[in-house]
């Protein structure tokens, strides 16, 4: 009764996102309803963990981080998070339609993502699923490509050691962007996000993922063992700043 659903925005493996009106404020919000009925089977403390994570994410206030306004559970199996509603397009769509992106544009986007991550890491929050589809680009005042980083904390709600595998055996993460320590189910800290940021920036610059393989398993093995190809395999480097490639490759150190 506190939200009036206006329409379905997106559907994913972990739930659905609706455009909704928050009553009685009349504020348009994004209402994420999470389909995690299996979570408590994997983690008996899931509910406590969910509220802890959601309350922590609600403390994040960086302008390049999506704001969390509210959260809760409507019944025993329906958990929801209420966020600011942003009209824009994902960085993934931008890469697919416009890559390779101009180096200065890449730097502009990267600085904003880093600002968002810096605040989160300072509060002990690790994203763990940083990828182009979790970065939204919008227009803010006179600023184009204004970044909003989505979905902080939502992929680490299940107990350590089972964080990457769902009940159905699917990864709660994307092989193209997962750090080696995530793949090994080792302890994860802010360096894991930096690795994923490196993959994201590599794609912005070249238009392709650093590890192109024909199966997900081969991608995961490449994340563990292989060095990313140099930018020169995908780009004409005559007018490309070498410092940017150094930064990206440093992020991608195992």
C-alpha atoms as a PDB file:
ATOM      1  CA  UNK A   1       0.000   0.000   0.000  1.00  0.00           C
ATOM      2  CA  UNK A   2       2.992   2.346   0.189  1.00  0.00           C
ATOM      3  CA  UNK A   3       3.862   2.098  -3.500  1.00  0.00           C
ATOM      4  CA  UNK A   4       1.785   2.323  -6.664  1.00  0.00           C
ATOM      5  CA  UNK A   5       3.364   0.231  -9.420  1.00  0.00           C
ATOM      6  CA  UNK A   6       3.413   2.080 -12.741  1.00  0.00           C
ATOM      7  CA  UNK A   7       5.074  -0.495 -14.966  1.00  0.00           C
ATOM      8  CA  UNK A   8       7.745  -3.171 -15.379  1.00  0.00           C
ATOM      9  CA  UNK A   9      11.190  -1.777 -16.216  1.00  0.00           C
ATOM     10  CA  UNK A  10      13.382  -4.879 -16.284  1.00  0.00           C
ATOM     11  CA  UNK A  11      13.418  -8.542 -15.377  1.00  0.00           C
ATOM     12  CA  UNK A  12      16.512 -10.497 -14.324  1.00  0.00           C
ATOM     13  CA  UNK A  13      17.668 -13.667 -12.652  1.00  0.00           C
ATOM     14  CA  UNK A  14      17.256 -12.223  -9.149  1.00  0.00           C
ATOM     15  CA  UNK A  15      13.936 -10.456  -9.574  1.00  0.00           C
ATOM     16  CA  UNK A  16      12.110  -7.598 -11.264  1.00  0.00           C
ATOM     17  CA  UNK A  17      12.395  -3.815 -11.272  1.00  0.00           C
ATOM     18  CA  UNK A  18       9.292  -1.643 -11.494  1.00  0.00           C
ATOM     19  CA  UNK A  19       8.755   2.061 -11.954  1.00  0.00           C
ATOM     20  CA  UNK A  20       6.569   3.029  -9.007  1.00  0.00           C
ATOM     21  CA  UNK A  21       5.177   6.015  -7.164  1.00  0.00           C
ATOM     22  CA  UNK A  22       6.026   6.291  -3.485  1.00  0.00           C
ATOM     23  CA  UNK A  23       2.928   7.290  -1.545  1.00  0.00           C
ATOM     24  CA  UNK A  24       2.066   9.804  -0.199  1.00  0.00           C
ATOM     25  CA  UNK A  25       5.210  11.650  -1.375  1.00  0.00           C
ATOM     26  CA  UNK A  26       4.385  11.335  -5.058  1.00  0.00           C
ATOM     27  CA  UNK A  27       8.030  10.489  -5.739  1.00  0.00           C
ATOM     28  CA  UNK A  28       8.884   8.259  -8.705  1.00  0.00           C
ATOM     29  CA  UNK A  29      11.135   5.402  -7.585  1.00  0.00           C
ATOM     30  CA  UNK A  30      12.627   2.156  -8.838  1.00  0.00           C
ATOM     31  CA  UNK A  31      11.134  -0.744  -6.874  1.00  0.00           C
ATOM     32  CA  UNK A  32      13.306  -3.863  -7.016  1.00  0.00           C
ATOM     33  CA  UNK A  33      11.487  -7.009  -5.926  1.00  0.00           C
ATOM     34  CA  UNK A  34      13.955  -9.806  -5.333  1.00  0.00           C
ATOM     35  CA  UNK A  35      13.041 -13.397  -6.085  1.00  0.00           C
ATOM     36  CA  UNK A  36      15.136 -15.092  -3.424  1.00  0.00           C
ATOM     37  CA  UNK A  37      12.834 -17.699  -1.960  1.00  0.00           C
ATOM     38  CA  UNK A  38      15.724 -20.186  -1.969  1.00  0.00           C
ATOM     39  CA  UNK A  39      18.126 -17.885  -0.114  1.00  0.00           C
ATOM     40  CA  UNK A  40      17.239 -18.956   3.404  1.00  0.00           C
ATOM     41  CA  UNK A  41      17.833 -22.583   2.426  1.00  0.00           C
ATOM     42  CA  UNK A  42      21.427 -21.631   1.557  1.00  0.00           C
ATOM     43  CA  UNK A  43      21.842 -19.198   4.420  1.00  0.00           C
ATOM     44  CA  UNK A  44      19.668 -19.416   7.564  1.00  0.00           C
ATOM     45  CA  UNK A  45      20.814 -15.882   8.454  1.00  0.00           C
ATOM     46  CA  UNK A  46      19.757 -14.512   5.077  1.00  0.00           C
ATOM     47  CA  UNK A  47      17.080 -12.169   6.430  1.00  0.00           C
ATOM     48  CA  UNK A  48      19.447 -10.621   8.975  1.00  0.00           C
ATOM     49  CA  UNK A  49      22.146 -10.355   6.307  1.00  0.00           C
ATOM     50  CA  UNK A  50      19.730  -8.746   3.818  1.00  0.00           C
ATOM     51  CA  UNK A  51      18.705  -6.003   6.233  1.00  0.00           C
ATOM     52  CA  UNK A  52      22.315  -5.380   7.247  1.00  0.00           C
ATOM     53  CA  UNK A  53      23.429  -5.089   3.627  1.00  0.00           C
ATOM     54  CA  UNK A  54      20.464  -2.908   2.645  1.00  0.00           C
ATOM     55  CA  UNK A  55      20.950  -0.554   5.583  1.00  0.00           C
ATOM     56  CA  UNK A  56      24.656  -0.254   4.754  1.00  0.00           C
ATOM     57  CA  UNK A  57      23.919   0.519   1.102  1.00  0.00           C
ATOM     58  CA  UNK A  58      21.367   3.114   2.196  1.00  0.00           C
ATOM     59  CA  UNK A  59      24.220   5.004   3.883  1.00  0.00           C
ATOM     60  CA  UNK A  60      26.050   5.466   0.588  1.00  0.00           C
ATOM     61  CA  UNK A  61      25.559   9.038  -0.583  1.00  0.00           C
ATOM     62  CA  UNK A  62      28.097   9.596  -3.347  1.00  0.00           C
ATOM     63  CA  UNK A  63      26.445  11.384  -6.293  1.00  0.00           C
ATOM     64  CA  UNK A  64      27.578   8.616  -8.651  1.00  0.00           C
ATOM     65  CA  UNK A  65      25.982   5.850  -6.561  1.00  0.00           C
ATOM     66  CA  UNK A  66      22.309   4.964  -6.930  1.00  0.00           C
ATOM     67  CA  UNK A  67      20.483   6.108  -3.795  1.00  0.00           C
ATOM     68  CA  UNK A  68      18.568   3.603  -1.663  1.00  0.00           C
ATOM     69  CA  UNK A  69      15.471   5.125  -0.037  1.00  0.00           C
ATOM     70  CA  UNK A  70      13.798   2.124   1.596  1.00  0.00           C
ATOM     71  CA  UNK A  71      13.885  -1.661   1.909  1.00  0.00           C
ATOM     72  CA  UNK A  72      11.980  -4.467   3.596  1.00  0.00           C
ATOM     73  CA  UNK A  73      10.087  -7.691   3.036  1.00  0.00           C
ATOM     74  CA  UNK A  74       6.426  -7.791   2.027  1.00  0.00           C
ATOM     75  CA  UNK A  75       6.056 -11.416   3.095  1.00  0.00           C
ATOM     76  CA  UNK A  76       8.282 -14.315   4.070  1.00  0.00           C
ATOM     77  CA  UNK A  77       9.802 -14.689   0.587  1.00  0.00           C
ATOM     78  CA  UNK A  78       9.506 -11.252  -1.040  1.00  0.00           C
ATOM     79  CA  UNK A  79      12.280  -8.788  -0.293  1.00  0.00           C
ATOM     80  CA  UNK A  80      12.326  -5.362  -1.879  1.00  0.00           C
ATOM     81  CA  UNK A  81      14.598  -2.355  -2.223  1.00  0.00           C
ATOM     82  CA  UNK A  82      13.426   1.131  -3.201  1.00  0.00           C
ATOM     83  CA  UNK A  83      15.899   3.264  -5.143  1.00  0.00           C
ATOM     84  CA  UNK A  84      15.976   6.524  -7.037  1.00  0.00           C
ATOM     85  CA  UNK A  85      14.549   6.204 -10.539  1.00  0.00           C
ATOM     86  CA  UNK A  86      17.019   7.252 -13.237  1.00  0.00           C
ATOM     87  CA  UNK A  87      16.273   7.584 -16.939  1.00  0.00           C
ATOM     88  CA  UNK A  88      19.319   6.723 -18.989  1.00  0.00           C
ATOM     89  CA  UNK A  89      21.070   3.871 -20.724  1.00  0.00           C
ATOM     90  CA  UNK A  90      23.564   1.331 -19.520  1.00  0.00           C
ATOM     91  CA  UNK A  91      27.256   1.550 -20.228  1.00  0.00           C
ATOM     92  CA  UNK A  92      26.927  -1.878 -21.881  1.00  0.00           C
ATOM     93  CA  UNK A  93      24.514  -0.473 -24.455  1.00  0.00           C
ATOM     94  CA  UNK A  94      26.815   2.500 -25.001  1.00  0.00           C
ATOM     95  CA  UNK A  95      29.785   0.179 -25.577  1.00  0.00           C
ATOM     96  CA  UNK A  96      27.784  -1.998 -27.969  1.00  0.00           C
ATOM     97  CA  UNK A  97      26.583   0.993 -29.997  1.00  0.00           C
ATOM     98  CA  UNK A  98      29.535   3.404 -29.886  1.00  0.00           C
ATOM     99  CA  UNK A  99      32.787   1.622 -28.996  1.00  0.00           C
ATOM    100  CA  UNK A 100      35.621   2.205 -29.039  1.00  0.00           C
ATOM    101  CA  UNK A 101      34.924   5.230 -26.872  1.00  0.00           C
ATOM    102  CA  UNK A 102      37.079   8.334 -27.010  1.00  0.00           C
ATOM    103  CA  UNK A 103      39.866   8.127 -24.392  1.00  0.00           C
ATOM    104  CA  UNK A 104      38.832  11.373 -22.665  1.00  0.00           C
ATOM    105  CA  UNK A 105      35.273  10.080 -22.466  1.00  0.00           C
ATOM    106  CA  UNK A 106      36.549   6.839 -20.911  1.00  0.00           C
ATOM    107  CA  UNK A 107      38.489   8.857 -18.311  1.00  0.00           C
ATOM    108  CA  UNK A 108      35.385  10.960 -17.548  1.00  0.00           C
ATOM    109  CA  UNK A 109      33.318   7.810 -16.932  1.00  0.00           C
ATOM    110  CA  UNK A 110      36.106   6.029 -15.033  1.00  0.00           C
ATOM    111  CA  UNK A 111      36.671   8.903 -12.581  1.00  0.00           C
ATOM    112  CA  UNK A 112      32.999   8.821 -11.590  1.00  0.00           C
ATOM    113  CA  UNK A 113      32.924   5.041 -11.123  1.00  0.00           C
ATOM    114  CA  UNK A 114      36.081   5.296  -9.015  1.00  0.00           C
ATOM    115  CA  UNK A 115      34.477   7.992  -6.868  1.00  0.00           C
ATOM    116  CA  UNK A 116      31.498   5.747  -6.208  1.00  0.00           C
ATOM    117  CA  UNK A 117      33.727   2.762  -5.383  1.00  0.00           C
ATOM    118  CA  UNK A 118      35.986   4.862  -3.169  1.00  0.00           C
ATOM    119  CA  UNK A 119      33.140   5.897  -0.885  1.00  0.00           C
ATOM    120  CA  UNK A 120      31.778   2.352  -0.736  1.00  0.00           C
ATOM    121  CA  UNK A 121      35.171   0.797  -0.027  1.00  0.00           C
ATOM    122  CA  UNK A 122      35.736   3.364   2.697  1.00  0.00           C
ATOM    123  CA  UNK A 123      32.630   2.024   4.406  1.00  0.00           C
ATOM    124  CA  UNK A 124      33.619  -1.606   3.899  1.00  0.00           C
ATOM    125  CA  UNK A 125      31.133  -2.241   1.072  1.00  0.00           C
ATOM    126  CA  UNK A 126      32.400  -4.327  -1.857  1.00  0.00           C
ATOM    127  CA  UNK A 127      30.332  -4.336  -5.034  1.00  0.00           C
ATOM    128  CA  UNK A 128      31.350  -7.805  -6.341  1.00  0.00           C
ATOM    129  CA  UNK A 129      29.362  -7.531  -9.573  1.00  0.00           C
ATOM    130  CA  UNK A 130      30.742  -4.430 -11.274  1.00  0.00           C
ATOM    131  CA  UNK A 131      30.047  -4.648 -15.015  1.00  0.00           C
ATOM    132  CA  UNK A 132      28.832  -2.342 -17.802  1.00  0.00           C
ATOM    133  CA  UNK A 133      25.186  -3.325 -17.310  1.00  0.00           C
ATOM    134  CA  UNK A 134      25.447  -2.141 -13.681  1.00  0.00           C
ATOM    135  CA  UNK A 135      26.615   1.332 -14.730  1.00  0.00           C
ATOM    136  CA  UNK A 136      23.927   3.757 -15.885  1.00  0.00           C
ATOM    137  CA  UNK A 137      24.722   6.854 -17.951  1.00  0.00           C
ATOM    138  CA  UNK A 138      22.369   9.806 -17.777  1.00  0.00           C
ATOM    139  CA  UNK A 139      22.356  13.601 -18.186  1.00  0.00           C
ATOM    140  CA  UNK A 140      22.698  15.661 -15.012  1.00  0.00           C
ATOM    141  CA  UNK A 141      22.361  19.387 -15.574  1.00  0.00           C
ATOM    142  CA  UNK A 142      24.929  20.201 -18.240  1.00  0.00           C
ATOM    143  CA  UNK A 143      26.942  17.035 -17.570  1.00  0.00           C
ATOM    144  CA  UNK A 144      26.629  14.269 -20.143  1.00  0.00           C
ATOM    145  CA  UNK A 145      27.600  10.683 -19.308  1.00  0.00           C
ATOM    146  CA  UNK A 146      26.780  11.272 -15.641  1.00  0.00           C
ATOM    147  CA  UNK A 147      27.369   7.916 -13.942  1.00  0.00           C
ATOM    148  CA  UNK A 148      25.159   6.004 -11.538  1.00  0.00           C
ATOM    149  CA  UNK A 149      26.594   2.719 -10.225  1.00  0.00           C
ATOM    150  CA  UNK A 150      23.854   0.181  -9.489  1.00  0.00           C
ATOM    151  CA  UNK A 151      23.393  -2.870  -7.269  1.00  0.00           C
ATOM    152  CA  UNK A 152      25.900  -2.392  -4.460  1.00  0.00           C
ATOM    153  CA  UNK A 153      25.819  -5.254  -1.997  1.00  0.00           C
ATOM    154  CA  UNK A 154      23.075  -7.246  -3.677  1.00  0.00           C
ATOM    155  CA  UNK A 155      25.279 -10.162  -4.721  1.00  0.00           C
ATOM    156  CA  UNK A 156      26.919 -10.863  -1.388  1.00  0.00           C
ATOM    157  CA  UNK A 157      23.823 -11.745   0.601  1.00  0.00           C
ATOM    158  CA  UNK A 158      24.505 -15.474   0.595  1.00  0.00           C
ATOM    159  CA  UNK A 159      27.058 -17.118   2.868  1.00  0.00           C
ATOM    160  CA  UNK A 160      30.755 -16.938   1.962  1.00  0.00           C
ATOM    161  CA  UNK A 161      31.842 -19.988   0.005  1.00  0.00           C
ATOM    162  CA  UNK A 162      28.447 -20.229  -1.702  1.00  0.00           C
ATOM    163  CA  UNK A 163      28.296 -16.642  -2.913  1.00  0.00           C
ATOM    164  CA  UNK A 164      28.919 -17.427  -6.563  1.00  0.00           C
ATOM    165  CA  UNK A 165      26.611 -20.428  -6.961  1.00  0.00           C
ATOM    166  CA  UNK A 166      22.812 -20.364  -6.826  1.00  0.00           C
ATOM    167  CA  UNK A 167      20.574 -23.302  -5.991  1.00  0.00           C
ATOM    168  CA  UNK A 168      20.239 -24.015  -9.709  1.00  0.00           C
ATOM    169  CA  UNK A 169      24.015 -23.983 -10.160  1.00  0.00           C
ATOM    170  CA  UNK A 170      24.176 -20.641 -11.988  1.00  0.00           C
ATOM    171  CA  UNK A 171      26.813 -18.030 -11.240  1.00  0.00           C
ATOM    172  CA  UNK A 172      25.750 -15.024  -9.190  1.00  0.00           C
ATOM    173  CA  UNK A 173      28.246 -13.026 -11.139  1.00  0.00           C
ATOM    174  CA  UNK A 174      29.420 -12.628 -14.713  1.00  0.00           C
ATOM    175  CA  UNK A 175      32.403 -14.708 -15.895  1.00  0.00           C
ATOM    176  CA  UNK A 176      33.671 -11.867 -18.099  1.00  0.00           C
ATOM    177  CA  UNK A 177      34.048  -9.549 -15.098  1.00  0.00           C
ATOM    178  CA  UNK A 178      34.821 -11.853 -12.157  1.00  0.00           C
ATOM    179  CA  UNK A 179      38.150 -11.492 -10.394  1.00  0.00           C
ATOM    180  CA  UNK A 180      40.361 -14.554  -9.916  1.00  0.00           C
ATOM    181  CA  UNK A 181      39.686 -14.589  -6.160  1.00  0.00           C
ATOM    182  CA  UNK A 182      35.921 -14.619  -6.777  1.00  0.00           C
ATOM    183  CA  UNK A 183      36.269 -17.563  -9.142  1.00  0.00           C
ATOM    184  CA  UNK A 184      38.287 -19.439  -6.523  1.00  0.00           C
ATOM    185  CA  UNK A 185      35.803 -18.470  -3.762  1.00  0.00           C
ATOM    186  CA  UNK A 186      38.662 -16.879  -1.843  1.00  0.00           C
ATOM    187  CA  UNK A 187      38.308 -13.877   0.444  1.00  0.00           C
ATOM    188  CA  UNK A 188      37.222 -10.824  -1.532  1.00  0.00           C
ATOM    189  CA  UNK A 189      38.125  -7.203  -0.791  1.00  0.00           C
ATOM    190  CA  UNK A 190      38.179  -3.912  -2.692  1.00  0.00           C
ATOM    191  CA  UNK A 191      40.844  -5.203  -5.092  1.00  0.00           C
ATOM    192  CA  UNK A 192      38.238  -7.508  -6.633  1.00  0.00           C
ATOM    193  CA  UNK A 193      36.210  -4.463  -7.692  1.00  0.00           C
ATOM    194  CA  UNK A 194      39.360  -2.866  -9.115  1.00  0.00           C
ATOM    195  CA  UNK A 195      39.923  -5.961 -11.276  1.00  0.00           C
ATOM    196  CA  UNK A 196      36.334  -5.815 -12.544  1.00  0.00           C
ATOM    197  CA  UNK A 197      36.789  -2.101 -13.210  1.00  0.00           C
ATOM    198  CA  UNK A 198      39.784  -2.991 -15.365  1.00  0.00           C
ATOM    199  CA  UNK A 199      37.653  -5.360 -17.454  1.00  0.00           C
ATOM    200  CA  UNK A 200      34.960  -2.703 -17.806  1.00  0.00           C
ATOM    201  CA  UNK A 201      37.465  -0.049 -18.916  1.00  0.00           C
ATOM    202  CA  UNK A 202      39.141  -2.474 -21.320  1.00  0.00           C
ATOM    203  CA  UNK A 203      35.760  -2.918 -22.996  1.00  0.00           C
ATOM    204  CA  UNK A 204      35.160   0.848 -23.121  1.00  0.00           C
ATOM    205  CA  UNK A 205      38.503   1.365 -24.852  1.00  0.00           C
ATOM    206  CA  UNK A 206      38.526  -1.593 -27.257  1.00  0.00           C
ATOM    207  CA  UNK A 207      34.866  -2.567 -27.598  1.00  0.00           C
ATOM    208  CA  UNK A 208      35.620  -6.204 -26.707  1.00  0.00           C
ATOM    209  CA  UNK A 209      36.138  -8.195 -23.514  1.00  0.00           C
ATOM    210  CA  UNK A 210      39.782  -8.936 -22.652  1.00  0.00           C
ATOM    211  CA  UNK A 211      39.136 -12.666 -22.626  1.00  0.00           C
ATOM    212  CA  UNK A 212      37.049 -13.847 -25.566  1.00  0.00           C
ATOM    213  CA  UNK A 213      36.468 -17.582 -25.349  1.00  0.00           C
ATOM    214  CA  UNK A 214      33.784 -19.904 -26.702  1.00  0.00           C
ATOM    215  CA  UNK A 215      32.559 -21.158 -23.300  1.00  0.00           C
ATOM    216  CA  UNK A 216      32.080 -19.633 -19.854  1.00  0.00           C
ATOM    217  CA  UNK A 217      34.437 -22.206 -18.333  1.00  0.00           C
ATOM    218  CA  UNK A 218      37.226 -21.130 -20.709  1.00  0.00           C
ATOM    219  CA  UNK A 219      36.570 -17.483 -19.823  1.00  0.00           C
ATOM    220  CA  UNK A 220      36.906 -18.324 -16.123  1.00  0.00           C
ATOM    221  CA  UNK A 221      40.174 -20.183 -16.746  1.00  0.00           C
ATOM    222  CA  UNK A 222      41.490 -17.222 -18.716  1.00  0.00           C
ATOM    223  CA  UNK A 223      40.613 -14.898 -15.844  1.00  0.00           C
ATOM    224  CA  UNK A 224      42.744 -17.117 -13.611  1.00  0.00           C
ATOM    225  CA  UNK A 225      45.729 -17.675 -15.893  1.00  0.00           C
ATOM    226  CA  UNK A 226      45.975 -15.409 -18.959  1.00  0.00           C
ATOM    227  CA  UNK A 227      47.183 -11.855 -19.534  1.00  0.00           C
ATOM    228  CA  UNK A 228      44.827  -9.566 -21.452  1.00  0.00           C
ATOM    229  CA  UNK A 229      45.833  -8.818 -25.055  1.00  0.00           C
ATOM    230  CA  UNK A 230      47.457  -5.423 -25.667  1.00  0.00           C
ATOM    231  CA  UNK A 231      45.208  -2.643 -26.912  1.00  0.00           C
ATOM    232  CA  UNK A 232      47.130  -2.690 -30.209  1.00  0.00           C
ATOM    233  CA  UNK A 233      45.333  -5.902 -31.195  1.00  0.00           C
ATOM    234  CA  UNK A 234      42.030  -3.980 -31.330  1.00  0.00           C
ATOM    235  CA  UNK A 235      43.031  -0.322 -31.863  1.00  0.00           C
ATOM    236  CA  UNK A 236      45.071   2.055 -33.927  1.00  0.00           C
ATOM    237  CA  UNK A 237      47.234   3.513 -31.167  1.00  0.00           C
ATOM    238  CA  UNK A 238      48.609   6.548 -33.014  1.00  0.00           C
ATOM    239  CA  UNK A 239      46.494   8.959 -30.953  1.00  0.00           C
ATOM    240  CA  UNK A 240      45.884   6.824 -27.884  1.00  0.00           C
ATOM    241  CA  UNK A 241      47.450   7.777 -24.510  1.00  0.00           C
ATOM    242  CA  UNK A 242      49.678   4.903 -23.314  1.00  0.00           C
ATOM    243  CA  UNK A 243      49.070   5.899 -19.687  1.00  0.00           C
ATOM    244  CA  UNK A 244      45.440   4.785 -19.979  1.00  0.00           C
ATOM    245  CA  UNK A 245      46.474   1.325 -21.141  1.00  0.00           C
ATOM    246  CA  UNK A 246      48.932   1.159 -18.222  1.00  0.00           C
ATOM    247  CA  UNK A 247      46.108   1.996 -15.790  1.00  0.00           C
ATOM    248  CA  UNK A 248      43.774  -0.639 -17.260  1.00  0.00           C
ATOM    249  CA  UNK A 249      46.444  -3.349 -17.285  1.00  0.00           C
ATOM    250  CA  UNK A 250      47.387  -2.481 -13.702  1.00  0.00           C
ATOM    251  CA  UNK A 251      43.751  -2.964 -12.667  1.00  0.00           C
ATOM    252  CA  UNK A 252      43.829  -6.362 -14.405  1.00  0.00           C
ATOM    253  CA  UNK A 253      46.868  -7.720 -12.556  1.00  0.00           C
ATOM    254  CA  UNK A 254      45.899 -11.094 -11.051  1.00  0.00           C
END
